[in-house]
Amino acid sequence: MSRPDHMDVAAYALGVLDEQDTERFEEHLAACWACAAELETMVPVVGLLSDIDGETMMAMEQTATDPALLDRTLVAVRTDRRRTRFRQMLATAAAVVVFGGLTGYGFVSVAGDDSPGIVAEPAPSPVVNDPPTTAPTAPPSGPGVGGTEEEGDQVDATDPTTGVQTTMFLVDREYGTRINFSLRKLPGPRTCRLVVVRKNSTTEVISTWSVPEGGYGTNNRPQGLELSASTSARSSEIKQLQVQSVDSHGVASPLVTVPM
């Protein structure tokens, strides 16, 4: 095969060979793997060049002697190609949406044929125009204010001497008794403890804590103190619960006593 036969790959790919040369090259192409491989690599380039019309090609030829015109032409070609790619992307996205919708519809239809009980679309919930009415409730108090209601038996007490107030909730557990309690009108600073006094006269300290200078449930700190503690004693075994203040020497004095 002659050298020109190998040089006709680009001309053949672009379709500029006449009928006679086209037939001759195709005969050569059938026996030349090198030209076949080169032609395969030129397919994407031919696809890009197919977007350029004849007027653009003529303008490209005229730019050989005018650099400014070449720059403007290149910008115009790039802009046109970007717009074409953008339109292709939009068309592809629209096709995906339409195909997805049809696929979903087809799935529901097929499922409906096999399973009559399947509902394709959920029924809308009824609209309630009138606001719900609620019965008035008593103002909350004690532990759990602003949250869930405390469980257990509630006991309230106020010491007439110290003025300390407490609300306690006793909950029977397998291990004994859980005590949730709140304290108000409790001045500070001081150290306190909660003591369980059993009916057999034994005592047990089940919780200790510190009170800052502002206290709890006072004018300086309106928020009360909420704590929890547990004891092995059953609620039926408890005679009283006592909140005590302990000084630096370990001497305890009662702040408020809750009889059971």
C-alpha atoms as a PDB file:
ATOM      1  CA  MET A   1       0.000   0.000   0.000  1.00  0.00           C
ATOM      2  CA  SER A   2       1.217   3.489  -0.814  1.00  0.00           C
ATOM      3  CA  ARG A   3       1.977   6.154   1.732  1.00  0.00           C
ATOM      4  CA  PRO A   4      -0.941   8.376   0.586  1.00  0.00           C
ATOM      5  CA  ASP A   5      -3.319   5.546   1.438  1.00  0.00           C
ATOM      6  CA  HIS A   6      -2.258   5.864   5.089  1.00  0.00           C
ATOM      7  CA  MET A   7      -2.664   9.638   4.999  1.00  0.00           C
ATOM      8  CA  ASP A   8      -6.306   9.506   3.881  1.00  0.00           C
ATOM      9  CA  VAL A   9      -7.638   8.525   7.346  1.00  0.00           C
ATOM     10  CA  ALA A  10      -8.537  12.079   8.389  1.00  0.00           C
ATOM     11  CA  ALA A  11     -10.020  12.901   4.984  1.00  0.00           C
ATOM     12  CA  TYR A  12     -12.134   9.726   5.109  1.00  0.00           C
ATOM     13  CA  ALA A  13     -13.296  10.427   8.675  1.00  0.00           C
ATOM     14  CA  LEU A  14     -14.347  13.953   7.723  1.00  0.00           C
ATOM     15  CA  GLY A  15     -16.108  12.688   4.594  1.00  0.00           C
ATOM     16  CA  VAL A  16     -14.225  14.901   2.121  1.00  0.00           C
ATOM     17  CA  LEU A  17     -13.024  12.085  -0.207  1.00  0.00           C
ATOM     18  CA  ASP A  18     -14.830  11.632  -3.515  1.00  0.00           C
ATOM     19  CA  GLU A  19     -16.612   8.390  -4.308  1.00  0.00           C
ATOM     20  CA  GLN A  20     -13.656   6.781  -6.084  1.00  0.00           C
ATOM     21  CA  ASP A  21     -11.130   7.642  -3.348  1.00  0.00           C
ATOM     22  CA  THR A  22     -13.605   6.519  -0.686  1.00  0.00           C
ATOM     23  CA  GLU A  23     -13.936   3.072  -2.249  1.00  0.00           C
ATOM     24  CA  ARG A  24     -10.173   2.788  -2.637  1.00  0.00           C
ATOM     25  CA  PHE A  25      -9.562   3.747   1.006  1.00  0.00           C
ATOM     26  CA  GLU A  26     -12.201   1.346   2.312  1.00  0.00           C
ATOM     27  CA  GLU A  27     -10.462  -1.498   0.453  1.00  0.00           C
ATOM     28  CA  HIS A  28      -7.190  -0.399   2.069  1.00  0.00           C
ATOM     29  CA  LEU A  29      -8.880  -0.053   5.499  1.00  0.00           C
ATOM     30  CA  ALA A  30     -10.083  -3.658   5.407  1.00  0.00           C
ATOM     31  CA  ALA A  31      -6.479  -4.905   5.387  1.00  0.00           C
ATOM     32  CA  CYS A  32      -4.671  -2.182   7.430  1.00  0.00           C
ATOM     33  CA  TRP A  33      -5.069  -2.449  11.213  1.00  0.00           C
ATOM     34  CA  ALA A  34      -3.028   0.747  11.752  1.00  0.00           C
ATOM     35  CA  CYS A  35      -5.438   2.901   9.754  1.00  0.00           C
ATOM     36  CA  ALA A  36      -8.408   1.194  11.428  1.00  0.00           C
ATOM     37  CA  ALA A  37      -7.011   2.027  14.868  1.00  0.00           C
ATOM     38  CA  GLU A  38      -6.283   5.624  13.865  1.00  0.00           C
ATOM     39  CA  LEU A  39      -9.804   5.997  12.453  1.00  0.00           C
ATOM     40  CA  GLU A  40     -11.272   4.797  15.764  1.00  0.00           C
ATOM     41  CA  THR A  41      -9.391   7.487  17.681  1.00  0.00           C
ATOM     42  CA  MET A  42     -10.710  10.188  15.324  1.00  0.00           C
ATOM     43  CA  VAL A  43     -14.395   9.384  15.890  1.00  0.00           C
ATOM     44  CA  PRO A  44     -14.756  11.756  18.940  1.00  0.00           C
ATOM     45  CA  VAL A  45     -13.004  14.556  17.052  1.00  0.00           C
ATOM     46  CA  VAL A  46     -15.333  14.136  14.091  1.00  0.00           C
ATOM     47  CA  GLY A  47     -18.308  14.339  16.493  1.00  0.00           C
ATOM     48  CA  LEU A  48     -17.060  17.663  17.849  1.00  0.00           C
ATOM     49  CA  LEU A  49     -16.336  19.070  14.376  1.00  0.00           C
ATOM     50  CA  SER A  50     -19.848  18.129  13.269  1.00  0.00           C
ATOM     51  CA  ASP A  51     -21.197  20.914  15.521  1.00  0.00           C
ATOM     52  CA  ILE A  52     -19.331  23.543  13.463  1.00  0.00           C
ATOM     53  CA  ASP A  53     -21.185  24.733  10.345  1.00  0.00           C
ATOM     54  CA  GLY A  54     -19.677  25.831   7.040  1.00  0.00           C
ATOM     55  CA  GLU A  55     -19.750  29.527   7.899  1.00  0.00           C
ATOM     56  CA  THR A  56     -17.655  28.891  10.991  1.00  0.00           C
ATOM     57  CA  MET A  57     -15.126  26.893   8.965  1.00  0.00           C
ATOM     58  CA  MET A  58     -14.805  29.751   6.464  1.00  0.00           C
ATOM     59  CA  ALA A  59     -14.330  32.207   9.306  1.00  0.00           C
ATOM     60  CA  MET A  60     -11.599  29.992  10.724  1.00  0.00           C
ATOM     61  CA  GLU A  61      -9.767  30.092   7.375  1.00  0.00           C
ATOM     62  CA  GLN A  62      -9.966  33.902   7.275  1.00  0.00           C
ATOM     63  CA  THR A  63      -8.439  34.150  10.749  1.00  0.00           C
ATOM     64  CA  ALA A  64      -5.124  32.768   9.525  1.00  0.00           C
ATOM     65  CA  THR A  65      -4.040  36.307   8.642  1.00  0.00           C
ATOM     66  CA  ASP A  66      -5.941  38.148  11.391  1.00  0.00           C
ATOM     67  CA  PRO A  67      -5.009  37.165  15.012  1.00  0.00           C
ATOM     68  CA  ALA A  68      -7.728  39.373  16.521  1.00  0.00           C
ATOM     69  CA  LEU A  69     -10.365  37.716  14.369  1.00  0.00           C
ATOM     70  CA  LEU A  70      -8.969  34.324  15.408  1.00  0.00           C
ATOM     71  CA  ASP A  71      -9.441  35.145  19.100  1.00  0.00           C
ATOM     72  CA  ARG A  72     -13.023  36.312  18.560  1.00  0.00           C
ATOM     73  CA  THR A  73     -13.836  33.234  16.512  1.00  0.00           C
ATOM     74  CA  LEU A  74     -12.438  30.863  19.133  1.00  0.00           C
ATOM     75  CA  VAL A  75     -14.479  32.583  21.862  1.00  0.00           C
ATOM     76  CA  ALA A  76     -17.631  32.314  19.766  1.00  0.00           C
ATOM     77  CA  VAL A  77     -17.049  28.610  19.033  1.00  0.00           C
ATOM     78  CA  ARG A  78     -16.365  27.812  22.698  1.00  0.00           C
ATOM     79  CA  THR A  79     -19.479  29.700  23.823  1.00  0.00           C
ATOM     80  CA  ASP A  80     -21.623  27.882  21.286  1.00  0.00           C
ATOM     81  CA  ARG A  81     -20.238  24.520  22.389  1.00  0.00           C
ATOM     82  CA  ARG A  82     -20.895  25.297  26.064  1.00  0.00           C
ATOM     83  CA  ARG A  83     -24.489  26.227  25.267  1.00  0.00           C
ATOM     84  CA  THR A  84     -24.913  23.023  23.279  1.00  0.00           C
ATOM     85  CA  ARG A  85     -23.529  20.912  26.150  1.00  0.00           C
ATOM     86  CA  PHE A  86     -25.779  22.739  28.627  1.00  0.00           C
ATOM     87  CA  ARG A  87     -28.850  22.033  26.506  1.00  0.00           C
ATOM     88  CA  GLN A  88     -27.798  18.403  26.261  1.00  0.00           C
ATOM     89  CA  MET A  89     -27.452  18.216  30.068  1.00  0.00           C
ATOM     90  CA  LEU A  90     -30.932  19.715  30.545  1.00  0.00           C
ATOM     91  CA  ALA A  91     -32.413  17.264  28.074  1.00  0.00           C
ATOM     92  CA  THR A  92     -30.708  14.357  29.844  1.00  0.00           C
ATOM     93  CA  ALA A  93     -31.924  15.503  33.268  1.00  0.00           C
ATOM     94  CA  ALA A  94     -35.477  15.882  31.984  1.00  0.00           C
ATOM     95  CA  ALA A  95     -35.328  12.405  30.487  1.00  0.00           C
ATOM     96  CA  VAL A  96     -34.149  10.959  33.820  1.00  0.00           C
ATOM     97  CA  VAL A  97     -37.028  12.639  35.689  1.00  0.00           C
ATOM     98  CA  VAL A  98     -39.628  11.479  33.171  1.00  0.00           C
ATOM     99  CA  PHE A  99     -38.200   7.951  33.081  1.00  0.00           C
ATOM    100  CA  GLY A 100     -38.091   7.794  36.877  1.00  0.00           C
ATOM    101  CA  GLY A 101     -41.716   8.925  37.111  1.00  0.00           C
ATOM    102  CA  LEU A 102     -42.839   6.389  34.539  1.00  0.00           C
ATOM    103  CA  THR A 103     -40.860   3.654  36.280  1.00  0.00           C
ATOM    104  CA  GLY A 104     -42.450   4.450  39.641  1.00  0.00           C
ATOM    105  CA  TYR A 105     -45.905   4.529  38.066  1.00  0.00           C
ATOM    106  CA  GLY A 106     -45.295   1.232  36.344  1.00  0.00           C
ATOM    107  CA  PHE A 107     -44.124  -0.328  39.606  1.00  0.00           C
ATOM    108  CA  VAL A 108     -47.239   0.791  41.430  1.00  0.00           C
ATOM    109  CA  SER A 109     -49.428  -0.429  38.580  1.00  0.00           C
ATOM    110  CA  VAL A 110     -47.815  -3.870  38.520  1.00  0.00           C
ATOM    111  CA  ALA A 111     -47.954  -4.155  42.299  1.00  0.00           C
ATOM    112  CA  GLY A 112     -51.579  -3.132  42.138  1.00  0.00           C
ATOM    113  CA  ASP A 113     -52.382  -5.969  39.755  1.00  0.00           C
ATOM    114  CA  ASP A 114     -50.828  -8.597  42.049  1.00  0.00           C
ATOM    115  CA  SER A 115     -51.778  -7.004  45.376  1.00  0.00           C
ATOM    116  CA  PRO A 116     -55.197  -5.279  45.228  1.00  0.00           C
ATOM    117  CA  GLY A 117     -54.820  -4.186  48.845  1.00  0.00           C
ATOM    118  CA  ILE A 118     -51.849  -1.862  48.114  1.00  0.00           C
ATOM    119  CA  VAL A 119     -52.808   1.825  47.978  1.00  0.00           C
ATOM    120  CA  ALA A 120     -50.740   3.826  45.473  1.00  0.00           C
ATOM    121  CA  GLU A 121     -51.156   7.164  47.250  1.00  0.00           C
ATOM    122  CA  PRO A 122     -51.915   7.813  50.940  1.00  0.00           C
ATOM    123  CA  ALA A 123     -55.187   9.528  51.651  1.00  0.00           C
ATOM    124  CA  PRO A 124     -54.810  13.118  52.910  1.00  0.00           C
ATOM    125  CA  SER A 125     -55.267  13.625  56.621  1.00  0.00           C
ATOM    126  CA  PRO A 126     -58.409  15.485  57.629  1.00  0.00           C
ATOM    127  CA  VAL A 127     -57.892  19.140  58.462  1.00  0.00           C
ATOM    128  CA  VAL A 128     -58.996  20.190  61.923  1.00  0.00           C
ATOM    129  CA  ASN A 129     -60.025  23.826  61.956  1.00  0.00           C
ATOM    130  CA  ASP A 130     -61.165  24.139  65.541  1.00  0.00           C
ATOM    131  CA  PRO A 131     -58.386  24.353  68.141  1.00  0.00           C
ATOM    132  CA  PRO A 132     -58.462  21.568  70.735  1.00  0.00           C
ATOM    133  CA  THR A 133     -59.774  22.458  74.143  1.00  0.00           C
ATOM    134  CA  THR A 134     -57.999  21.403  77.299  1.00  0.00           C
ATOM    135  CA  ALA A 135     -59.255  21.310  80.826  1.00  0.00           C
ATOM    136  CA  PRO A 136     -57.556  23.699  83.240  1.00  0.00           C
ATOM    137  CA  THR A 137     -54.840  22.073  85.311  1.00  0.00           C
ATOM    138  CA  ALA A 138     -53.334  22.979  88.638  1.00  0.00           C
ATOM    139  CA  PRO A 139     -49.995  24.821  88.540  1.00  0.00           C
ATOM    140  CA  PRO A 140     -47.055  22.385  88.687  1.00  0.00           C
ATOM    141  CA  SER A 141     -44.891  22.120  91.751  1.00  0.00           C
ATOM    142  CA  GLY A 142     -42.036  20.055  93.099  1.00  0.00           C
ATOM    143  CA  PRO A 143     -39.476  17.990  91.151  1.00  0.00           C
ATOM    144  CA  GLY A 144     -40.074  17.539  87.465  1.00  0.00           C
ATOM    145  CA  VAL A 145     -41.610  20.999  86.926  1.00  0.00           C
ATOM    146  CA  GLY A 146     -41.675  21.655  83.191  1.00  0.00           C
ATOM    147  CA  GLY A 147     -41.160  17.938  82.428  1.00  0.00           C
ATOM    148  CA  THR A 148     -42.957  14.692  83.079  1.00  0.00           C
ATOM    149  CA  GLU A 149     -45.060  14.221  86.203  1.00  0.00           C
ATOM    150  CA  GLU A 150     -43.221  12.627  89.120  1.00  0.00           C
ATOM    151  CA  GLU A 151     -44.285   9.140  90.199  1.00  0.00           C
ATOM    152  CA  GLY A 152     -44.666   7.963  93.754  1.00  0.00           C
ATOM    153  CA  ASP A 153     -46.338   9.204  96.913  1.00  0.00           C
ATOM    154  CA  GLN A 154     -45.931  12.961  97.430  1.00  0.00           C
ATOM    155  CA  VAL A 155     -45.223  14.442 100.855  1.00  0.00           C
ATOM    156  CA  ASP A 156     -44.832  18.206 101.546  1.00  0.00           C
ATOM    157  CA  ALA A 157     -43.354  19.820 104.628  1.00  0.00           C
ATOM    158  CA  THR A 158     -42.282  23.268 105.859  1.00  0.00           C
ATOM    159  CA  ASP A 159     -40.201  23.796 108.986  1.00  0.00           C
ATOM    160  CA  PRO A 160     -41.795  26.501 111.177  1.00  0.00           C
ATOM    161  CA  THR A 161     -38.427  27.560 112.600  1.00  0.00           C
ATOM    162  CA  THR A 162     -36.045  27.560 109.616  1.00  0.00           C
ATOM    163  CA  GLY A 163     -38.697  28.186 106.947  1.00  0.00           C
ATOM    164  CA  VAL A 164     -37.138  25.545 104.689  1.00  0.00           C
ATOM    165  CA  GLN A 165     -39.704  23.913 102.398  1.00  0.00           C
ATOM    166  CA  THR A 166     -39.511  20.473 100.755  1.00  0.00           C
ATOM    167  CA  THR A 167     -41.567  18.227  98.490  1.00  0.00           C
ATOM    168  CA  MET A 168     -40.679  14.531  98.415  1.00  0.00           C
ATOM    169  CA  PHE A 169     -41.826  11.681  96.195  1.00  0.00           C
ATOM    170  CA  LEU A 170     -41.298   8.133  97.508  1.00  0.00           C
ATOM    171  CA  VAL A 171     -41.215   5.350  94.914  1.00  0.00           C
ATOM    172  CA  ASP A 172     -41.094   1.697  95.960  1.00  0.00           C
ATOM    173  CA  ARG A 173     -38.428  -0.327  94.154  1.00  0.00           C
ATOM    174  CA  GLU A 174     -37.183  -3.889  94.387  1.00  0.00           C
ATOM    175  CA  TYR A 175     -34.013  -2.689  96.090  1.00  0.00           C
ATOM    176  CA  GLY A 176     -35.842  -0.425  98.573  1.00  0.00           C
ATOM    177  CA  THR A 177     -37.153   3.117  98.087  1.00  0.00           C
ATOM    178  CA  ARG A 178     -36.222   5.871  95.662  1.00  0.00           C
ATOM    179  CA  ILE A 179     -36.716   9.432  96.926  1.00  0.00           C
ATOM    180  CA  ASN A 180     -36.996  12.404  94.573  1.00  0.00           C
ATOM    181  CA  PHE A 181     -37.119  15.685  96.461  1.00  0.00           C
ATOM    182  CA  SER A 182     -36.942  19.445  96.016  1.00  0.00           C
ATOM    183  CA  LEU A 183     -35.890  22.169  98.487  1.00  0.00           C
ATOM    184  CA  ARG A 184     -36.856  25.852  98.674  1.00  0.00           C
ATOM    185  CA  LYS A 185     -36.161  28.707 101.069  1.00  0.00           C
ATOM    186  CA  LEU A 186     -32.789  27.034 101.691  1.00  0.00           C
ATOM    187  CA  PRO A 187     -30.132  29.678 102.511  1.00  0.00           C
ATOM    188  CA  GLY A 188     -26.396  29.220 101.983  1.00  0.00           C
ATOM    189  CA  PRO A 189     -23.585  28.702 102.150  1.00  0.00           C
ATOM    190  CA  ARG A 190     -23.791  25.404 104.002  1.00  0.00           C
ATOM    191  CA  THR A 191     -23.424  21.625 103.696  1.00  0.00           C
ATOM    192  CA  CYS A 192     -26.562  19.500 103.895  1.00  0.00           C
ATOM    193  CA  ARG A 193     -27.535  15.871 104.023  1.00  0.00           C
ATOM    194  CA  LEU A 194     -30.673  13.747 103.804  1.00  0.00           C
ATOM    195  CA  VAL A 195     -31.155  11.244 106.639  1.00  0.00           C
ATOM    196  CA  VAL A 196     -33.574   8.293 106.739  1.00  0.00           C
ATOM    197  CA  VAL A 197     -34.899   7.485 110.219  1.00  0.00           C
ATOM    198  CA  ARG A 198     -36.352   3.957 110.368  1.00  0.00           C
ATOM    199  CA  LYS A 199     -39.092   2.814 112.680  1.00  0.00           C
ATOM    200  CA  ASN A 200     -36.536   0.634 114.497  1.00  0.00           C
ATOM    201  CA  SER A 201     -34.666   3.899 115.403  1.00  0.00           C
ATOM    202  CA  THR A 202     -31.723   3.243 113.069  1.00  0.00           C
ATOM    203  CA  THR A 203     -30.604   6.051 110.769  1.00  0.00           C
ATOM    204  CA  GLU A 204     -28.982   6.197 107.345  1.00  0.00           C
ATOM    205  CA  VAL A 205     -27.426   9.141 105.461  1.00  0.00           C
ATOM    206  CA  ILE A 206     -28.401   8.651 101.798  1.00  0.00           C
ATOM    207  CA  SER A 207     -27.322  11.963 100.225  1.00  0.00           C
ATOM    208  CA  THR A 208     -25.061  14.971 100.863  1.00  0.00           C
ATOM    209  CA  TRP A 209     -24.645  18.235  98.920  1.00  0.00           C
ATOM    210  CA  SER A 210     -23.348  21.805  99.170  1.00  0.00           C
ATOM    211  CA  VAL A 211     -25.461  24.948  99.052  1.00  0.00           C
ATOM    212  CA  PRO A 212     -23.863  28.060  97.476  1.00  0.00           C
ATOM    213  CA  GLU A 213     -24.022  31.507  99.029  1.00  0.00           C
ATOM    214  CA  GLY A 214     -27.183  32.470  97.141  1.00  0.00           C
ATOM    215  CA  GLY A 215     -29.040  29.404  98.423  1.00  0.00           C
ATOM    216  CA  TYR A 216     -31.938  27.743  96.573  1.00  0.00           C
ATOM    217  CA  GLY A 217     -35.477  29.036  96.215  1.00  0.00           C
ATOM    218  CA  THR A 218     -34.467  32.359  97.778  1.00  0.00           C
ATOM    219  CA  ASN A 219     -34.681  35.978  96.683  1.00  0.00           C
ATOM    220  CA  ASN A 220     -31.140  35.762  95.330  1.00  0.00           C
ATOM    221  CA  ARG A 221     -31.790  32.430  93.559  1.00  0.00           C
ATOM    222  CA  PRO A 222     -35.483  31.734  92.901  1.00  0.00           C
ATOM    223  CA  GLN A 223     -34.806  28.324  91.361  1.00  0.00           C
ATOM    224  CA  GLY A 224     -35.194  25.500  93.873  1.00  0.00           C
ATOM    225  CA  LEU A 225     -32.869  22.515  94.286  1.00  0.00           C
ATOM    226  CA  GLU A 226     -33.945  19.104  92.950  1.00  0.00           C
ATOM    227  CA  LEU A 227     -32.185  15.886  93.978  1.00  0.00           C
ATOM    228  CA  SER A 228     -32.673  12.116  94.012  1.00  0.00           C
ATOM    229  CA  ALA A 229     -31.476   9.465  96.450  1.00  0.00           C
ATOM    230  CA  SER A 230     -32.128   5.824  97.287  1.00  0.00           C
ATOM    231  CA  THR A 231     -32.319   3.732 100.426  1.00  0.00           C
ATOM    232  CA  SER A 232     -32.504   0.021 101.089  1.00  0.00           C
ATOM    233  CA  ALA A 233     -35.388   0.636 103.526  1.00  0.00           C
ATOM    234  CA  ARG A 234     -38.939   0.022 102.350  1.00  0.00           C
ATOM    235  CA  SER A 235     -41.297   2.992 102.516  1.00  0.00           C
ATOM    236  CA  SER A 236     -43.314   1.110 105.137  1.00  0.00           C
ATOM    237  CA  GLU A 237     -40.161   0.892 107.288  1.00  0.00           C
ATOM    238  CA  ILE A 238     -39.423   4.641 107.242  1.00  0.00           C
ATOM    239  CA  LYS A 239     -40.492   6.741 110.209  1.00  0.00           C
ATOM    240  CA  GLN A 240     -39.327  10.107 108.911  1.00  0.00           C
ATOM    241  CA  LEU A 241     -36.958  11.836 106.467  1.00  0.00           C
ATOM    242  CA  GLN A 242     -34.883  14.753 107.694  1.00  0.00           C
ATOM    243  CA  VAL A 243     -32.800  17.351 105.860  1.00  0.00           C
ATOM    244  CA  GLN A 244     -29.942  18.421 108.097  1.00  0.00           C
ATOM    245  CA  SER A 245     -27.308  21.163 108.016  1.00  0.00           C
ATOM    246  CA  VAL A 246     -23.788  20.047 108.964  1.00  0.00           C
ATOM    247  CA  ASP A 247     -21.242  22.581 110.253  1.00  0.00           C
ATOM    248  CA  SER A 248     -17.457  22.463 109.874  1.00  0.00           C
ATOM    249  CA  HIS A 249     -17.136  20.373 113.061  1.00  0.00           C
ATOM    250  CA  GLY A 250     -19.580  17.717 111.804  1.00  0.00           C
ATOM    251  CA  VAL A 251     -22.398  18.812 114.103  1.00  0.00           C
ATOM    252  CA  ALA A 252     -25.800  18.329 112.417  1.00  0.00           C
ATOM    253  CA  SER A 253     -28.948  20.359 113.016  1.00  0.00           C
ATOM    254  CA  PRO A 254     -32.356  19.722 111.408  1.00  0.00           C
ATOM    255  CA  LEU A 255     -33.583  22.073 108.636  1.00  0.00           C
ATOM    256  CA  VAL A 256     -36.887  20.350 107.788  1.00  0.00           C
ATOM    257  CA  THR A 257     -38.428  17.024 108.887  1.00  0.00           C
ATOM    258  CA  VAL A 258     -40.890  14.985 106.827  1.00  0.00           C
ATOM    259  CA  PRO A 259     -42.927  12.547 108.971  1.00  0.00           C
ATOM    260  CA  MET A 260     -44.186   9.364 107.307  1.00  0.00           C
END
